[in-house]
Amino acid sequence: MQTLDDVLPASHFSERHGRSIAAPPAAVWAALQDIRLGDLALSRALMGIRLLPARLAGKNEADRMVSGRILEDGPVPVLAADPDRAVLAGGVMQPWKITGGEEPPELDAAALQAFAEPGWVKVGLDFVLEPSGSGTRLTTETRITATDSKTRARFGIYWLFIRVGSGLIRRDMLRAVARRAEAG
């Protein structure tokens, strides 16, 4: 399976979070597949604020991102999955634009790695499950690479404002996966 290192080996911006979960990888995988931002109060609130301009502009995908499953309806599509072990998602976007920017092209992993059209950031994220004692260590990493220096500067300003919220959403997701997996 391709990994984040294969798709975005270097990044301009990144964050990584992890959590130990007292459940086997299969239970963690099942919980991860079912997580929805709309089920998580903190994440729903933060994404609601971020997506409000898109909703007001009539972009319905904003509602889908909150109500749908994160891995099915998230901001970037799943590129590869190895059940009980890892999932890789990635795509391009223009999140600093108030209503989310242009419609991004659909890219597979190889096309994402090669993508260089100015005005976009390439985003890759993964969830990796590793057996750990009698449980599982679940980590998630997000990497962002701008396609040009002007876009890097624009995204850098945006990142200053959203990075804390982005980290809170990821930790909220990891907590929710742990609760579901540990509840059996």
Protein backbone atom coordinates (compact mmCIF):
# COMPACT_ATOMS: atom_id res chain seq x y z
CA MET A 1 0.00 0.00 0.00
CA GLN A 2 1.18 3.51 -0.75
CA THR A 3 1.95 5.68 2.26
CA LEU A 4 2.02 9.38 3.01
CA ASP A 5 5.78 9.30 2.33
CA ASP A 6 5.07 8.06 -1.19
CA VAL A 7 2.51 10.76 -1.99
CA LEU A 8 3.85 13.79 -0.08
CA PRO A 9 7.40 12.97 1.04
CA ALA A 10 8.04 16.59 2.05
CA SER A 11 5.62 19.19 3.32
CA HIS A 12 5.44 22.87 4.10
CA PHE A 13 2.96 22.35 6.92
CA SER A 14 2.16 19.26 8.96
CA GLU A 15 0.72 17.91 12.15
CA ARG A 16 0.69 14.49 13.78
CA HIS A 17 -1.41 13.07 16.60
CA GLY A 18 -1.71 9.67 18.20
CA ARG A 19 -3.60 7.72 20.83
CA SER A 20 -3.29 4.34 22.47
CA ILE A 21 -6.54 2.42 22.36
CA ALA A 22 -7.42 -0.59 24.52
CA ALA A 23 -8.90 -2.58 21.62
CA PRO A 24 -7.55 -4.79 18.82
CA PRO A 25 -6.81 -3.28 15.39
CA ALA A 26 -9.98 -4.77 13.85
CA ALA A 27 -12.18 -2.96 16.41
CA VAL A 28 -10.25 0.30 15.92
CA TRP A 29 -10.56 -0.04 12.13
CA ALA A 30 -14.33 -0.58 12.38
CA ALA A 31 -14.71 2.46 14.64
CA LEU A 32 -12.56 4.60 12.34
CA GLN A 33 -14.71 3.69 9.32
CA ASP A 34 -17.86 4.92 11.08
CA ILE A 35 -16.71 8.27 12.52
CA ARG A 36 -18.66 11.36 11.43
CA LEU A 37 -17.72 14.92 12.35
CA GLY A 38 -21.41 15.56 12.97
CA ASP A 39 -21.31 13.07 15.87
CA LEU A 40 -18.50 14.97 17.62
CA ALA A 41 -19.69 18.16 19.33
CA LEU A 42 -16.35 20.00 19.27
CA SER A 43 -15.50 19.03 15.70
CA ARG A 44 -19.04 19.80 14.51
CA ALA A 45 -18.84 23.28 16.07
CA LEU A 46 -15.40 24.08 14.65
CA MET A 47 -16.25 22.80 11.18
CA GLY A 48 -19.61 24.58 11.33
CA ILE A 49 -17.81 27.88 11.83
CA ARG A 50 -15.29 27.14 9.07
CA LEU A 51 -17.91 25.96 6.58
CA LEU A 52 -20.49 28.70 7.23
CA PRO A 53 -19.39 30.85 4.25
CA ALA A 54 -19.62 27.84 1.91
CA ARG A 55 -23.10 27.02 3.21
CA LEU A 56 -24.23 30.61 2.72
CA ALA A 57 -22.86 30.44 -0.84
CA GLY A 58 -25.01 27.36 -1.48
CA LYS A 59 -22.19 24.80 -1.58
CA ASN A 60 -23.87 21.61 -0.39
CA GLU A 61 -20.64 19.64 0.01
CA ALA A 62 -20.13 21.55 3.26
CA ASP A 63 -23.10 19.72 4.82
CA ARG A 64 -21.88 16.38 3.45
CA MET A 65 -18.49 16.85 5.13
CA VAL A 66 -20.12 17.22 8.55
CA SER A 67 -22.89 14.64 8.24
CA GLY A 68 -21.02 11.97 6.23
CA ARG A 69 -18.38 9.54 7.34
CA ILE A 70 -14.97 11.20 7.56
CA LEU A 71 -13.28 8.66 5.30
CA GLU A 72 -16.08 8.67 2.73
CA ASP A 73 -17.10 12.32 2.67
CA GLY A 74 -14.09 14.15 4.07
CA PRO A 75 -12.31 17.02 2.39
CA VAL A 76 -10.03 14.70 0.38
CA PRO A 77 -10.76 11.24 -1.03
CA VAL A 78 -9.30 7.96 0.17
CA LEU A 79 -6.45 6.92 -2.12
CA ALA A 80 -5.54 3.58 -0.54
CA ALA A 81 -6.59 1.38 2.36
CA ASP A 82 -5.15 -1.70 4.02
CA PRO A 83 -7.89 -2.86 6.43
CA ASP A 84 -6.88 -3.03 10.09
CA ARG A 85 -3.56 -1.31 9.25
CA ALA A 86 -3.77 2.02 7.42
CA VAL A 87 -5.75 4.36 5.25
CA LEU A 88 -4.35 7.13 3.05
CA ALA A 89 -6.34 10.08 1.73
CA GLY A 90 -5.24 13.00 -0.38
CA GLY A 91 -6.14 15.66 -2.86
CA VAL A 92 -5.76 19.32 -3.72
CA MET A 93 -7.71 22.24 -2.34
CA GLN A 94 -7.84 25.97 -1.78
CA PRO A 95 -9.01 26.18 1.85
CA TRP A 96 -7.82 29.75 2.47
CA LYS A 97 -10.52 30.93 0.06
CA ILE A 98 -13.58 31.84 2.11
CA THR A 99 -15.99 29.48 0.31
CA GLY A 100 -13.43 26.74 -0.34
CA GLY A 101 -12.13 27.74 -3.75
CA GLU A 102 -12.47 26.06 -7.11
CA GLU A 103 -13.69 22.50 -7.63
CA PRO A 104 -10.54 20.38 -7.33
CA PRO A 105 -9.57 17.81 -9.94
CA GLU A 106 -9.91 14.15 -8.96
CA LEU A 107 -6.44 12.69 -8.58
CA ASP A 108 -5.08 9.27 -7.78
CA ALA A 109 -1.93 8.93 -5.67
CA ALA A 110 0.50 9.21 -8.60
CA ALA A 111 -1.30 12.23 -10.06
CA LEU A 112 -1.37 13.93 -6.64
CA GLN A 113 2.35 13.45 -6.21
CA ALA A 114 3.02 14.92 -9.68
CA PHE A 115 0.44 17.76 -9.44
CA ALA A 116 2.09 21.18 -9.81
CA GLU A 117 -0.61 23.62 -11.01
CA PRO A 118 -0.06 26.93 -9.20
CA GLY A 119 -2.71 28.14 -6.76
CA TRP A 120 -3.36 24.89 -4.90
CA VAL A 121 -2.16 23.03 -1.84
CA LYS A 122 -1.68 19.29 -1.97
CA VAL A 123 -3.07 17.63 1.16
CA GLY A 124 -2.31 14.14 2.36
CA LEU A 125 -3.49 12.50 5.52
CA ASP A 126 -3.30 9.07 6.96
CA PHE A 127 -4.48 6.94 9.83
CA VAL A 128 -2.07 4.18 10.82
CA LEU A 129 -2.96 1.36 13.23
CA GLU A 130 -0.17 -0.51 14.98
CA PRO A 131 -0.68 -3.37 17.44
CA SER A 132 0.63 -2.26 20.83
CA GLY A 133 0.56 -4.73 23.68
CA SER A 134 -3.05 -5.84 24.01
CA GLY A 135 -4.32 -2.79 22.17
CA THR A 136 -3.64 -0.53 19.20
CA ARG A 137 -1.72 2.68 18.65
CA LEU A 138 -3.68 4.89 16.22
CA THR A 139 -1.83 7.80 14.66
CA THR A 140 -2.90 10.38 12.12
CA GLU A 141 -0.69 12.72 10.19
CA THR A 142 -1.62 15.56 7.87
CA ARG A 143 0.83 17.06 5.39
CA ILE A 144 0.29 20.10 3.21
CA THR A 145 2.49 21.20 0.33
CA ALA A 146 1.86 24.36 -1.68
CA THR A 147 2.37 24.23 -5.43
CA ASP A 148 4.00 27.69 -5.57
CA SER A 149 5.47 30.31 -3.25
CA LYS A 150 2.50 32.71 -3.45
CA THR A 151 0.12 29.91 -2.45
CA ARG A 152 2.48 28.85 0.33
CA ALA A 153 2.34 32.37 1.77
CA ARG A 154 -1.48 32.51 1.51
CA PHE A 155 -1.90 29.11 3.10
CA GLY A 156 0.63 30.03 5.80
CA ILE A 157 -1.60 32.89 6.96
CA TYR A 158 -4.64 30.60 6.90
CA TRP A 159 -2.68 27.94 8.85
CA LEU A 160 -1.92 30.47 11.60
CA PHE A 161 -5.66 30.80 12.23
CA ILE A 162 -6.82 27.20 11.83
CA ARG A 163 -3.93 25.07 13.09
CA VAL A 164 -5.14 24.91 16.70
CA GLY A 165 -8.67 24.02 15.59
CA SER A 166 -7.31 21.44 13.14
CA GLY A 167 -5.39 19.76 15.95
CA LEU A 168 -8.45 19.83 18.22
CA ILE A 169 -10.53 18.13 15.51
CA ARG A 170 -7.95 15.37 15.07
CA ARG A 171 -7.70 14.73 18.81
CA ASP A 172 -11.52 14.75 19.01
CA MET A 173 -11.65 12.13 16.23
CA LEU A 174 -9.05 9.94 17.95
CA ARG A 175 -11.00 10.13 21.24
CA ALA A 176 -14.21 9.15 19.45
CA VAL A 177 -12.55 6.21 17.71
CA ALA A 178 -11.14 5.07 21.06
CA ARG A 179 -14.56 5.31 22.79
CA ARG A 180 -16.27 3.29 20.05
CA ALA A 181 -13.53 0.68 19.74
CA GLU A 182 -13.20 0.20 23.50
CA ALA A 183 -16.98 -0.05 23.95
CA GLY A 184 -16.89 -3.03 21.61
